[in-house]
Amino acid sequence: MKNEIISDLILEVICDYFHIDFYTILNGGQFADIIQPKYLAIYFILKNTCMSTGEVGWIFNRDHATIVHARKSVENQIQTDKKYAEIYYYLEKKINDKIQNINNNNKIIAEQVFLENDFNL
């Protein structure tokens, strides 16, 4: 699945959970109420795509160092803050379920195309 589709899906899940819009998470600056969702989005995009820290930084208009800091911050919070870990694992499941759903839909479409074209092997 393409990086752009996955990153958009992740942003959608994060924005829905925190009740913020795409513009806010991508351009909302360093306001305290935006940092947690922004860092989680960065972390999940790095985890679920082949994108480099520079590419993820471009999405969020942040430099490589900020993206590395976000990743380390999320990893630390998961280990030290039980409530944060619960949020993280909830979001991880939602993201993984959505990715799986898209993969399943793509498989069904590919099978239909194969059958409609009556490919003989």
Protein backbone atom coordinates (compact mmCIF):
# COMPACT_ATOMS: atom_id res chain seq x y z
CA MET A 1 0.00 0.00 0.00
CA LYS A 2 1.32 3.44 -0.83
CA ASN A 3 2.88 5.59 1.87
CA GLU A 4 0.51 8.47 1.13
CA ILE A 5 -2.58 6.33 1.65
CA ILE A 6 -1.27 4.96 4.94
CA SER A 7 -0.16 8.36 6.21
CA ASP A 8 -3.57 9.86 5.37
CA LEU A 9 -5.30 6.95 7.11
CA ILE A 10 -3.15 7.46 10.21
CA LEU A 11 -3.85 11.18 10.26
CA GLU A 12 -7.57 10.47 9.93
CA VAL A 13 -7.53 8.07 12.91
CA ILE A 14 -5.48 10.45 15.07
CA CYS A 15 -7.57 13.49 14.15
CA ASP A 16 -10.83 11.64 14.83
CA TYR A 17 -9.63 10.45 18.23
CA PHE A 18 -8.38 13.86 19.37
CA HIS A 19 -11.17 15.84 17.66
CA ILE A 20 -8.85 18.00 15.59
CA ASP A 21 -8.65 18.64 11.86
CA PHE A 22 -5.86 17.86 9.42
CA TYR A 23 -4.79 21.49 9.18
CA THR A 24 -4.37 21.78 12.93
CA ILE A 25 -2.27 18.63 13.32
CA LEU A 26 -0.10 19.49 10.32
CA ASN A 27 0.27 23.22 10.95
CA GLY A 28 -0.81 23.75 14.55
CA GLY A 29 2.62 24.71 15.81
CA GLN A 30 3.86 23.63 19.21
CA PHE A 31 0.72 24.20 21.27
CA ALA A 32 0.54 21.71 24.14
CA ASP A 33 -2.80 20.23 23.07
CA ILE A 34 -1.44 19.52 19.58
CA ILE A 35 1.92 17.97 20.52
CA GLN A 36 0.59 14.60 21.70
CA PRO A 37 -1.53 13.88 18.61
CA LYS A 38 1.19 15.24 16.31
CA TYR A 39 3.89 13.06 17.89
CA LEU A 40 1.65 10.00 17.78
CA ALA A 41 0.87 10.61 14.10
CA ILE A 42 4.57 11.00 13.35
CA TYR A 43 5.36 7.80 15.25
CA PHE A 44 2.67 5.74 13.52
CA ILE A 45 3.64 7.06 10.09
CA LEU A 46 7.27 6.12 10.69
CA LYS A 47 6.20 2.70 11.99
CA ASN A 48 3.77 1.86 9.19
CA THR A 49 5.44 3.29 6.10
CA CYS A 50 8.83 3.23 4.41
CA MET A 51 9.07 7.00 4.77
CA SER A 52 12.27 8.53 6.07
CA THR A 53 12.35 11.02 8.92
CA GLY A 54 12.98 13.72 6.33
CA GLU A 55 9.87 12.75 4.35
CA VAL A 56 7.74 12.66 7.49
CA GLY A 57 9.24 16.00 8.50
CA TRP A 58 8.15 17.44 5.16
CA ILE A 59 4.53 16.40 5.86
CA PHE A 60 4.55 18.18 9.22
CA ASN A 61 6.82 21.05 8.17
CA ARG A 62 9.39 19.94 10.76
CA ASP A 63 13.06 19.04 10.52
CA HIS A 64 14.69 15.63 10.95
CA ALA A 65 15.64 16.32 14.58
CA THR A 66 12.04 17.09 15.54
CA ILE A 67 10.84 13.85 13.95
CA VAL A 68 13.51 11.84 15.79
CA HIS A 69 12.55 13.61 19.04
CA ALA A 70 8.87 12.78 18.45
CA ARG A 71 9.68 9.10 17.95
CA LYS A 72 11.78 8.95 21.12
CA SER A 73 9.16 10.89 23.08
CA VAL A 74 6.38 8.45 22.13
CA GLU A 75 8.56 5.44 22.95
CA ASN A 76 9.38 6.95 26.36
CA GLN A 77 5.76 7.86 27.12
CA ILE A 78 4.57 4.33 26.29
CA GLN A 79 7.05 2.96 28.84
CA THR A 80 6.39 5.48 31.60
CA ASP A 81 2.74 6.59 31.35
CA LYS A 82 0.04 3.93 31.63
CA LYS A 83 -2.77 6.19 30.33
CA TYR A 84 -0.63 7.24 27.36
CA ALA A 85 0.15 3.58 26.64
CA GLU A 86 -3.57 2.76 26.66
CA ILE A 87 -4.23 5.52 24.13
CA TYR A 88 -1.29 4.37 22.02
CA TYR A 89 -2.45 0.72 21.91
CA TYR A 90 -6.03 1.74 21.17
CA LEU A 91 -4.90 3.90 18.25
CA GLU A 92 -2.50 1.21 17.04
CA LYS A 93 -5.35 -1.30 16.86
CA LYS A 94 -7.62 1.14 15.02
CA ILE A 95 -4.87 1.94 12.52
CA ASN A 96 -3.97 -1.72 11.98
CA ASP A 97 -7.64 -2.65 11.52
CA LYS A 98 -8.10 0.08 8.91
CA ILE A 99 -4.94 -0.95 7.05
CA GLN A 100 -6.09 -4.59 7.10
CA ASN A 101 -9.52 -3.57 5.83
CA ILE A 102 -7.98 -1.70 2.90
CA ASN A 103 -5.69 -4.65 2.14
CA ASN A 104 -8.68 -7.02 2.18
CA ASN A 105 -10.66 -4.74 -0.14
CA ASN A 106 -7.73 -4.52 -2.54
CA LYS A 107 -7.44 -8.31 -2.57
CA ILE A 108 -11.15 -8.69 -3.37
CA ILE A 109 -10.89 -6.15 -6.20
CA ALA A 110 -7.84 -7.91 -7.64
CA GLU A 111 -9.67 -11.26 -7.54
CA GLN A 112 -12.70 -9.74 -9.29
CA VAL A 113 -10.52 -8.26 -12.04
CA PHE A 114 -8.82 -11.61 -12.47
CA LEU A 115 -12.14 -13.44 -12.76
CA GLU A 116 -13.76 -10.83 -15.03
CA ASN A 117 -10.87 -11.04 -17.45
CA ASP A 118 -11.03 -14.84 -17.44
CA PHE A 119 -7.28 -15.27 -17.15
CA ASN A 120 -6.25 -18.80 -17.89
CA LEU A 121 -3.02 -19.97 -16.44
